N, C-alpha and C. Protein backbone atom coordinates (compact mmCIF):
# COMPACT_ATOMS: atom_id res chain seq x y z
N MET A 1 157.23 91.24 95.34
CA MET A 1 156.28 90.84 95.27
C MET A 1 155.48 90.19 96.10
N LYS A 2 155.81 89.50 97.50
CA LYS A 2 155.54 89.04 98.24
C LYS A 2 155.00 90.01 99.29
N LYS A 3 156.09 90.99 99.36
CA LYS A 3 156.00 92.36 100.65
C LYS A 3 155.20 92.77 100.10
N ALA A 4 154.63 92.89 98.35
CA ALA A 4 153.38 93.71 98.34
C ALA A 4 151.78 93.55 98.69
N THR A 5 151.85 91.42 98.27
CA THR A 5 150.84 91.03 98.63
C THR A 5 150.48 90.56 99.78
N LEU A 6 151.68 90.71 100.70
CA LEU A 6 151.65 90.33 102.25
C LEU A 6 151.04 92.04 102.88
N PHE A 7 151.47 93.00 101.81
CA PHE A 7 150.56 94.42 102.67
C PHE A 7 149.40 94.42 102.58
N LEU A 8 149.12 94.35 100.93
CA LEU A 8 147.86 94.25 100.39
C LEU A 8 146.78 93.51 101.50
N GLY A 9 147.61 92.42 101.83
CA GLY A 9 146.32 91.66 102.52
C GLY A 9 145.98 92.32 104.00
N MET A 10 147.60 92.27 104.27
CA MET A 10 146.95 92.90 106.04
C MET A 10 146.28 94.72 105.74
N LEU A 11 146.37 95.67 104.70
CA LEU A 11 145.74 95.77 104.44
C LEU A 11 144.30 95.55 104.38
N ILE A 12 143.77 95.07 103.70
CA ILE A 12 142.30 94.47 103.56
C ILE A 12 141.65 94.02 104.68
N LEU A 13 142.48 92.80 105.70
CA LEU A 13 142.21 92.56 106.62
C LEU A 13 141.92 93.92 108.04
N GLY A 14 142.89 95.31 107.46
CA GLY A 14 142.37 95.73 108.76
C GLY A 14 140.99 96.80 107.97
N VAL A 15 140.86 96.82 106.80
CA VAL A 15 140.02 98.07 106.68
C VAL A 15 138.86 97.21 106.72
N THR A 16 138.62 95.28 106.55
CA THR A 16 137.58 95.08 107.04
C THR A 16 137.30 94.84 108.60
N SER A 17 138.04 95.02 109.13
CA SER A 17 137.78 95.13 111.04
C SER A 17 138.05 95.90 111.24
N PHE A 18 137.99 97.87 110.67
CA PHE A 18 137.61 98.59 111.46
C PHE A 18 136.21 98.67 110.81
N ALA A 19 135.84 97.91 109.93
CA ALA A 19 134.64 98.52 109.77
C ALA A 19 133.65 97.38 110.55
N GLN A 20 134.10 96.28 110.37
CA GLN A 20 133.38 95.20 111.50
C GLN A 20 133.12 95.98 113.17
N GLN A 21 134.32 96.59 113.57
CA GLN A 21 134.26 97.55 114.61
C GLN A 21 133.27 98.69 114.15
N PHE A 22 133.15 98.94 113.32
CA PHE A 22 132.06 100.43 113.00
C PHE A 22 130.71 99.79 113.03
N ASP A 23 130.34 99.03 112.27
CA ASP A 23 128.92 98.15 112.39
C ASP A 23 128.45 97.33 113.66
N SER A 24 129.75 97.30 114.64
CA SER A 24 129.92 96.94 116.26
C SER A 24 129.66 97.76 117.29
N ASP A 25 129.75 99.40 116.95
CA ASP A 25 130.08 100.28 117.63
C ASP A 25 128.09 100.80 117.48
N ASN A 26 127.84 100.86 115.97
CA ASN A 26 126.82 101.30 115.84
C ASN A 26 125.50 100.27 116.29
N ALA A 27 125.68 99.29 115.86
CA ALA A 27 124.75 98.27 116.70
C ALA A 27 124.48 98.36 118.37
N GLU A 28 125.69 98.52 118.51
CA GLU A 28 125.76 98.65 120.29
C GLU A 28 124.98 100.14 120.45
N LYS A 29 124.80 101.09 119.77
CA LYS A 29 124.18 101.94 120.13
C LYS A 29 122.71 102.07 119.33
N ILE A 30 122.22 101.11 118.87
CA ILE A 30 121.05 101.49 118.26
C ILE A 30 120.39 100.77 118.98
N ASP A 31 120.74 99.96 119.96
CA ASP A 31 120.19 98.70 121.14
C ASP A 31 120.53 99.90 122.02
N ALA A 32 120.75 100.73 122.35
CA ALA A 32 120.79 102.21 123.70
C ALA A 32 118.99 102.46 123.17
N VAL A 33 119.18 102.86 121.85
CA VAL A 33 117.60 103.63 121.67
C VAL A 33 116.88 102.95 121.70
N LYS A 34 117.08 101.77 121.30
CA LYS A 34 115.96 100.64 121.40
C LYS A 34 115.28 100.58 122.98
N GLU A 35 116.44 100.06 123.91
CA GLU A 35 116.14 100.20 125.32
C GLU A 35 115.21 101.64 125.89
N TYR A 36 115.56 102.39 125.28
CA TYR A 36 115.43 103.84 125.51
C TYR A 36 113.93 104.30 124.91
N ARG A 37 113.50 103.14 124.17
CA ARG A 37 112.03 103.17 123.63
C ARG A 37 111.32 102.85 124.12
N GLN A 38 111.93 101.70 124.49
CA GLN A 38 111.68 100.50 125.51
C GLN A 38 110.67 101.12 126.93
N GLN A 39 111.66 101.58 127.62
CA GLN A 39 112.01 102.81 128.70
C GLN A 39 110.85 104.23 128.72
N LEU A 40 110.55 104.87 127.31
CA LEU A 40 109.56 105.81 127.02
C LEU A 40 107.93 105.15 127.20
N PHE A 41 107.75 104.05 126.45
CA PHE A 41 106.83 103.12 126.70
C PHE A 41 106.30 102.16 127.85
N LYS A 42 106.66 101.94 128.11
CA LYS A 42 106.68 101.80 129.77
C LYS A 42 106.45 103.18 130.65
N GLU A 43 107.46 104.35 130.52
CA GLU A 43 106.48 105.09 131.13
C GLU A 43 105.18 105.98 131.15
N LYS A 44 105.52 106.09 129.68
CA LYS A 44 104.12 107.31 129.46
C LYS A 44 102.49 106.24 128.73
N LEU A 45 102.74 105.03 129.05
CA LEU A 45 101.53 104.06 129.20
C LEU A 45 101.87 103.90 130.63
N ASP A 46 102.37 103.72 131.28
CA ASP A 46 101.90 103.21 132.47
C ASP A 46 101.88 101.84 132.90
N LEU A 47 102.83 100.87 131.75
CA LEU A 47 103.18 99.62 132.04
C LEU A 47 103.91 98.84 132.56
N ASN A 48 103.65 97.58 133.07
CA ASN A 48 104.47 97.19 134.24
C ASN A 48 105.42 96.54 133.30
N ASP A 49 106.26 95.68 133.96
CA ASP A 49 107.10 94.31 133.14
C ASP A 49 106.51 93.61 132.17
N LYS A 50 105.43 93.03 132.79
CA LYS A 50 105.15 91.62 131.57
C LYS A 50 103.85 92.72 130.54
N GLN A 51 103.55 93.81 130.94
CA GLN A 51 103.02 94.14 129.77
C GLN A 51 103.47 94.70 128.94
N LEU A 52 104.71 95.25 129.49
CA LEU A 52 105.38 95.63 128.54
C LEU A 52 106.22 94.86 127.67
N GLU A 53 106.43 93.51 127.76
CA GLU A 53 106.66 92.95 127.42
C GLU A 53 106.01 92.19 125.96
N GLY A 54 104.61 91.80 126.64
CA GLY A 54 103.41 91.52 125.65
C GLY A 54 103.21 92.62 124.98
N PHE A 55 103.38 93.91 125.24
CA PHE A 55 102.95 95.27 124.13
C PHE A 55 104.06 95.26 122.93
N LEU A 56 105.35 94.86 123.42
CA LEU A 56 106.51 95.60 122.35
C LEU A 56 106.55 93.62 121.18
N LYS A 57 105.99 92.58 121.71
CA LYS A 57 105.84 91.45 120.86
C LYS A 57 105.16 91.91 119.67
N VAL A 58 103.83 92.10 120.12
CA VAL A 58 102.80 92.59 119.34
C VAL A 58 103.43 93.90 118.51
N TYR A 59 103.89 94.88 119.17
CA TYR A 59 103.24 96.23 118.22
C TYR A 59 104.74 96.26 117.82
N ASN A 60 105.87 95.73 117.51
CA ASN A 60 107.26 94.90 116.84
C ASN A 60 107.12 94.31 115.40
N MET A 61 106.14 93.67 115.50
CA MET A 61 105.09 93.01 114.73
C MET A 61 104.45 93.22 113.86
N GLN A 62 103.78 94.33 114.25
CA GLN A 62 103.17 95.49 113.92
C GLN A 62 103.88 96.56 112.61
N GLN A 63 104.60 97.24 113.94
CA GLN A 63 106.23 98.67 112.93
C GLN A 63 106.42 98.10 112.13
N ILE A 64 107.00 96.22 112.03
CA ILE A 64 107.51 95.42 110.63
C ILE A 64 106.68 95.62 109.71
N GLU A 65 105.81 94.96 109.61
CA GLU A 65 104.58 94.63 108.65
C GLU A 65 104.65 96.20 108.16
N LEU A 66 104.27 97.30 108.62
CA LEU A 66 104.29 98.27 108.35
C LEU A 66 105.23 98.72 107.49
N ARG A 67 106.24 98.94 108.42
CA ARG A 67 107.69 99.00 107.44
C ARG A 67 108.32 98.88 105.92
N SER A 68 107.55 97.57 105.94
CA SER A 68 107.50 96.80 104.77
C SER A 68 106.92 97.76 103.80
N ALA A 69 105.27 97.86 104.44
CA ALA A 69 105.19 99.01 103.23
C ALA A 69 105.47 100.02 102.51
N LYS A 70 105.63 101.06 103.88
CA LYS A 70 106.27 101.65 103.23
C LYS A 70 107.89 101.80 102.74
N ARG A 71 108.24 100.77 102.61
CA ARG A 71 109.63 100.34 101.94
C ARG A 71 109.23 100.77 100.20
N THR A 72 108.05 98.87 100.35
CA THR A 72 107.66 98.75 98.81
C THR A 72 106.89 100.15 98.23
N PHE A 73 106.89 101.11 99.07
CA PHE A 73 106.36 102.39 98.15
C PHE A 73 107.14 103.10 97.94
N ARG A 74 108.20 103.71 99.14
CA ARG A 74 109.45 104.68 98.84
C ARG A 74 110.02 103.88 97.78
N LYS A 75 110.86 102.36 97.89
CA LYS A 75 111.59 101.81 96.06
C LYS A 75 110.73 101.90 94.81
N LYS A 76 109.18 101.98 94.85
CA LYS A 76 108.92 102.56 93.53
C LYS A 76 109.21 103.79 93.10
N TRP A 77 108.81 104.83 94.88
CA TRP A 77 108.15 106.12 93.97
C TRP A 77 109.81 107.21 94.59
N TYR A 78 110.58 106.29 94.98
CA TYR A 78 111.62 107.34 95.10
C TYR A 78 112.55 108.46 94.38
N ARG A 79 112.62 107.55 92.74
CA ARG A 79 113.16 108.20 92.02
C ARG A 79 112.28 109.30 91.43
N PHE A 80 110.83 109.37 91.81
CA PHE A 80 110.53 110.45 90.86
C PHE A 80 110.27 111.43 91.97
N ASP A 81 110.26 112.93 91.07
CA ASP A 81 109.46 113.86 91.87
C ASP A 81 108.09 114.46 91.28
N ILE A 82 107.81 113.95 92.58
CA ILE A 82 105.89 114.38 92.30
C ILE A 82 105.12 115.64 92.10
N ASP A 83 106.40 116.34 91.48
CA ASP A 83 106.44 117.75 90.88
C ASP A 83 106.08 118.09 89.39
N LYS A 84 106.86 116.64 88.91
CA LYS A 84 106.90 116.23 87.61
C LYS A 84 106.12 114.72 87.11
N LEU A 85 105.09 114.42 87.71
CA LEU A 85 104.70 113.01 87.31
C LEU A 85 103.37 113.70 86.40
N ASN A 86 103.17 112.99 85.27
CA ASN A 86 102.13 113.57 84.04
C ASN A 86 100.83 112.67 84.96
N GLU A 87 99.67 113.12 83.95
CA GLU A 87 98.57 112.31 84.87
C GLU A 87 98.63 110.57 85.20
N ASN A 88 99.15 109.98 84.44
CA ASN A 88 98.53 108.86 84.52
C ASN A 88 99.74 108.00 86.15
N GLN A 89 100.91 109.00 85.98
CA GLN A 89 101.74 108.41 87.06
C GLN A 89 101.01 109.32 87.97
N ALA A 90 100.67 110.30 88.22
CA ALA A 90 100.09 111.27 89.34
C ALA A 90 98.71 110.37 89.88
N LYS A 91 98.06 110.18 88.29
CA LYS A 91 97.24 108.99 89.31
C LYS A 91 97.11 107.67 90.27
N GLU A 92 98.36 107.36 89.35
CA GLU A 92 98.68 105.97 90.00
C GLU A 92 99.84 106.12 91.61
N TYR A 93 100.30 106.74 91.67
CA TYR A 93 101.21 107.62 92.77
C TYR A 93 99.73 107.88 94.06
N PHE A 94 98.61 108.59 94.04
CA PHE A 94 97.63 108.73 94.51
C PHE A 94 96.84 107.28 94.81
N GLU A 95 96.83 106.78 94.11
CA GLU A 95 96.59 105.15 94.12
C GLU A 95 97.03 104.31 95.26
N ASP A 96 98.29 103.93 95.27
CA ASP A 96 99.98 104.25 96.04
C ASP A 96 99.68 103.99 97.15
N ALA A 97 99.55 105.52 97.31
CA ALA A 97 99.34 106.43 98.51
C ALA A 97 98.33 105.93 98.86
N ILE A 98 97.68 105.99 98.69
CA ILE A 98 95.95 105.10 99.43
C ILE A 98 95.76 103.93 99.98
N ALA A 99 96.58 103.22 98.84
CA ALA A 99 96.90 102.36 99.39
C ALA A 99 97.62 101.54 100.15
N LEU A 100 98.44 102.58 100.76
CA LEU A 100 99.48 102.46 102.30
C LEU A 100 99.06 103.02 102.39
N GLN A 101 97.74 103.87 102.89
CA GLN A 101 97.46 104.41 104.32
C GLN A 101 96.16 103.29 104.40
N LYS A 102 95.40 102.38 103.40
CA LYS A 102 94.87 101.22 103.51
C LYS A 102 95.55 99.84 104.55
N LYS A 103 96.61 100.38 104.28
CA LYS A 103 97.60 99.23 104.67
C LYS A 103 97.17 99.49 106.15
N GLU A 104 97.97 100.82 106.33
CA GLU A 104 98.34 101.05 107.79
C GLU A 104 96.96 100.85 108.57
N HIS A 105 96.17 101.30 108.08
CA HIS A 105 94.91 101.34 108.98
C HIS A 105 94.18 99.77 109.17
N ASP A 106 94.11 99.27 108.36
CA ASP A 106 93.99 97.45 108.61
C ASP A 106 95.09 96.61 109.59
N LEU A 107 96.03 97.44 109.61
CA LEU A 107 96.85 97.21 110.03
C LEU A 107 96.74 97.53 111.74
N ILE A 108 96.46 98.42 112.27
CA ILE A 108 95.80 98.35 113.34
C ILE A 108 94.55 98.20 113.51
N LEU A 109 93.89 97.50 112.59
CA LEU A 109 92.36 96.90 113.01
C LEU A 109 92.85 95.42 113.16
N GLU A 110 94.23 94.37 112.95
CA GLU A 110 94.34 93.63 113.22
C GLU A 110 95.29 93.41 114.09
N PHE A 111 95.86 94.69 114.82
CA PHE A 111 96.89 94.64 115.95
C PHE A 111 96.26 95.10 117.56
N ALA A 112 95.23 95.95 117.34
CA ALA A 112 94.96 96.48 118.23
C ALA A 112 94.49 95.81 118.94
N PRO A 113 93.14 94.59 118.46
CA PRO A 113 92.83 93.58 119.50
C PRO A 113 94.05 92.26 120.68
N LYS A 114 94.87 92.92 119.28
CA LYS A 114 95.46 91.48 119.87
C LYS A 114 96.79 92.63 121.38
N LEU A 115 96.90 94.52 120.93
CA LEU A 115 97.43 95.29 122.22
C LEU A 115 96.46 94.58 123.48
N ALA A 116 95.20 95.02 122.79
CA ALA A 116 94.32 94.92 124.20
C ALA A 116 94.35 93.89 125.30
N GLN A 117 94.47 92.76 124.21
CA GLN A 117 95.40 91.86 125.35
C GLN A 117 95.89 92.06 125.84
N GLU A 118 97.40 92.16 125.53
CA GLU A 118 98.35 92.78 126.48
C GLU A 118 98.30 93.76 127.36
N ILE A 119 97.30 94.80 127.25
CA ILE A 119 98.06 95.97 128.24
C ILE A 119 96.08 96.56 128.14
N GLY A 120 95.21 96.26 127.68
CA GLY A 120 93.35 96.96 128.23
C GLY A 120 93.71 97.93 126.66
N TRP A 121 92.06 97.89 126.96
CA TRP A 121 91.47 99.43 125.44
C TRP A 121 92.31 101.04 125.83
N SER A 122 92.27 100.57 127.18
CA SER A 122 92.58 102.70 128.01
C SER A 122 94.11 103.11 127.30
N LYS A 123 94.85 101.84 127.01
CA LYS A 123 95.99 102.14 127.11
C LYS A 123 96.42 101.84 125.05
N VAL A 124 95.68 101.41 124.29
CA VAL A 124 95.68 100.79 123.14
C VAL A 124 95.49 102.48 122.65
N VAL A 125 94.55 103.44 123.45
CA VAL A 125 94.18 104.70 122.19
C VAL A 125 95.10 105.56 122.56
N ARG A 126 95.51 105.45 123.74
CA ARG A 126 96.85 106.11 123.82
C ARG A 126 98.28 105.92 123.30
N VAL A 127 98.19 105.08 122.30
CA VAL A 127 99.49 104.52 121.70
C VAL A 127 100.21 105.26 120.56
N LYS A 128 99.05 106.07 119.53
CA LYS A 128 99.31 107.07 118.96
C LYS A 128 100.30 108.13 119.05
N LYS A 129 99.05 108.57 119.98
CA LYS A 129 99.63 110.30 120.79
C LYS A 129 101.01 109.78 121.14
N VAL A 130 101.40 108.10 122.01
CA VAL A 130 102.35 108.34 122.33
C VAL A 130 103.85 108.46 121.80
N GLU A 131 103.55 107.25 120.87
CA GLU A 131 104.41 107.56 119.22
C GLU A 131 104.43 108.56 118.48
N ARG A 132 103.66 109.96 119.24
CA ARG A 132 104.34 111.19 118.78
C ARG A 132 104.89 111.57 119.73
N GLU A 133 104.68 111.67 120.67
CA GLU A 133 105.43 112.34 121.58
C GLU A 133 106.54 111.55 122.54
N ILE A 134 107.34 110.49 121.54
CA ILE A 134 108.49 109.98 121.85
C ILE A 134 109.41 110.29 120.83
N LYS A 135 108.57 110.38 119.57
CA LYS A 135 109.38 110.11 118.12
C LYS A 135 110.62 111.45 118.54
N PRO A 136 110.33 112.44 118.85
CA PRO A 136 111.15 113.38 119.11
C PRO A 136 112.69 113.47 119.95
N LEU A 137 111.90 112.50 120.68
CA LEU A 137 113.24 112.55 122.12
C LEU A 137 114.27 111.18 122.11
N LEU A 138 113.44 110.04 120.98
CA LEU A 138 114.22 108.88 120.13
C LEU A 138 115.18 109.88 119.22
N LEU A 139 114.60 110.49 118.41
CA LEU A 139 115.52 111.32 117.53
C LEU A 139 117.05 112.03 117.87
N GLU A 140 116.16 112.68 119.51
CA GLU A 140 117.02 113.43 119.98
C GLU A 140 117.78 112.35 120.37
N LYS A 141 118.28 111.31 120.69
CA LYS A 141 118.71 110.33 121.52
C LYS A 141 119.99 109.44 120.86
N ALA A 142 119.49 109.63 118.99
CA ALA A 142 120.44 108.79 118.34
C ALA A 142 121.12 109.89 117.89
N ASN A 143 120.74 111.16 117.97
CA ASN A 143 121.74 112.20 117.15
C ASN A 143 122.42 112.46 118.36
N GLU A 144 122.19 112.48 119.78
CA GLU A 144 123.55 111.99 120.58
C GLU A 144 124.37 111.00 120.85
N LEU A 145 124.14 110.26 120.19
CA LEU A 145 124.83 108.95 120.30
C LEU A 145 125.45 108.90 119.11
N LYS A 146 125.06 109.87 118.10
CA LYS A 146 125.77 110.09 117.40
C LYS A 146 125.13 109.15 115.98
N ILE A 147 124.85 108.04 115.97
CA ILE A 147 124.02 106.75 115.56
C ILE A 147 124.75 106.98 113.75
N GLU A 148 125.41 106.30 113.09
CA GLU A 148 125.53 106.53 111.92
C GLU A 148 124.77 106.07 110.93
N LYS A 149 123.96 106.37 110.18
CA LYS A 149 123.21 106.29 108.78
C LYS A 149 123.55 105.20 108.16
N LYS A 150 122.97 104.13 107.57
CA LYS A 150 123.54 102.77 106.71
C LYS A 150 123.77 104.11 105.21
N ARG A 151 125.22 103.68 104.77
CA ARG A 151 125.69 104.34 103.87
C ARG A 151 125.29 103.49 102.76
N ARG A 152 124.69 104.89 101.93
CA ARG A 152 124.21 103.73 99.71
C ARG A 152 125.31 104.26 99.61
N SER A 153 125.40 103.19 98.06
CA SER A 153 126.73 102.75 97.45
C SER A 153 127.00 104.87 96.42
N ALA A 154 127.75 105.27 96.72
CA ALA A 154 128.66 106.25 95.94
C ALA A 154 128.01 106.49 94.57
N SER A 155 127.21 105.28 93.71
CA SER A 155 126.75 105.89 92.44
C SER A 155 125.08 106.29 92.83
N LYS A 156 124.40 105.39 94.15
CA LYS A 156 123.13 106.27 94.43
C LYS A 156 123.23 107.71 95.27
N LYS A 157 124.83 108.21 95.84
CA LYS A 157 124.75 109.51 96.05
C LYS A 157 125.14 110.49 95.11
N ALA A 158 125.82 109.97 93.80
CA ALA A 158 125.98 110.83 93.33
C ALA A 158 124.94 110.98 92.62
N LYS A 159 124.12 110.36 91.81
CA LYS A 159 122.95 110.22 91.16
C LYS A 159 121.66 111.37 92.25
N SER A 160 121.99 110.88 93.43
CA SER A 160 120.65 111.79 93.94
C SER A 160 121.37 113.31 94.61
N ALA A 161 122.69 113.83 94.49
CA ALA A 161 122.77 114.97 95.08
C ALA A 161 122.68 115.16 93.86
N THR A 162 122.77 114.56 91.98
CA THR A 162 122.66 115.71 91.24
C THR A 162 120.99 115.37 90.56
N GLY A 163 120.00 114.57 91.14
CA GLY A 163 119.49 114.62 90.20
C GLY A 163 118.91 114.27 89.41
N LYS A 164 119.82 113.61 89.12
CA LYS A 164 119.81 112.51 87.61
C LYS A 164 119.21 111.71 87.48
N ASN A 165 118.65 110.90 88.58
CA ASN A 165 118.27 109.92 88.75
C ASN A 165 117.08 109.90 89.11
N ARG A 166 116.84 110.80 88.82
CA ARG A 166 114.45 111.28 88.79
C ARG A 166 114.19 111.42 87.87
N LYS A 167 112.52 110.62 87.39
CA LYS A 167 112.01 110.70 86.25
C LYS A 167 111.29 111.29 86.25
N PRO A 168 111.26 112.06 85.25
CA PRO A 168 110.04 113.03 84.70
C PRO A 168 108.37 112.52 85.00
C-alpha cells in the first residue's frame, strides 16, 4: 500500500512539474513575441526608446480595456449561432455589437490625446495602420515559436466540436 501511495505521489509531482515547465516555456515564447511587437512598433512608428516606453504604457492600457470589452461580448454570445437567432436575440446581438464598437471608439477618443503626448499626433494617426501591418507578422512569429493556446476543459471542447452548446 505504501508503495502504491508513494508511486501515486511521485506521479502527481511529475505531472505537476511537467505542467509548470510547459507553462514556463510558453511564457518565454509569449515574452519573445511581445519583444518582437515592441521592436515592430518602434521601427514602423520611428520611435526612440523613451517614446516607445511611453507609447507602450498608454497603448497597453487601451488594449487591456478593449480586450475586456471584447471578452465580455464573446462570453455572452459565443454559445449562439447568429444564423439561428430569433428576432429578439438578433436585435440584442446587434445592440451589443454596436455597444462594443462604441466602446472601441470611446477608448480611441480617450487614449489618443495621451498617446499624442508621448509620440505626437503624426504618429498617433498611423497606429491603426501599423497594427494592421504587424498583426500578420506577430501571428507568423507565434506560429514559428509554436506557442500553445490555453487549453479549454475537455467538456467544453466536446460541446464545441459537436455544436451541442449552441443555443438556437
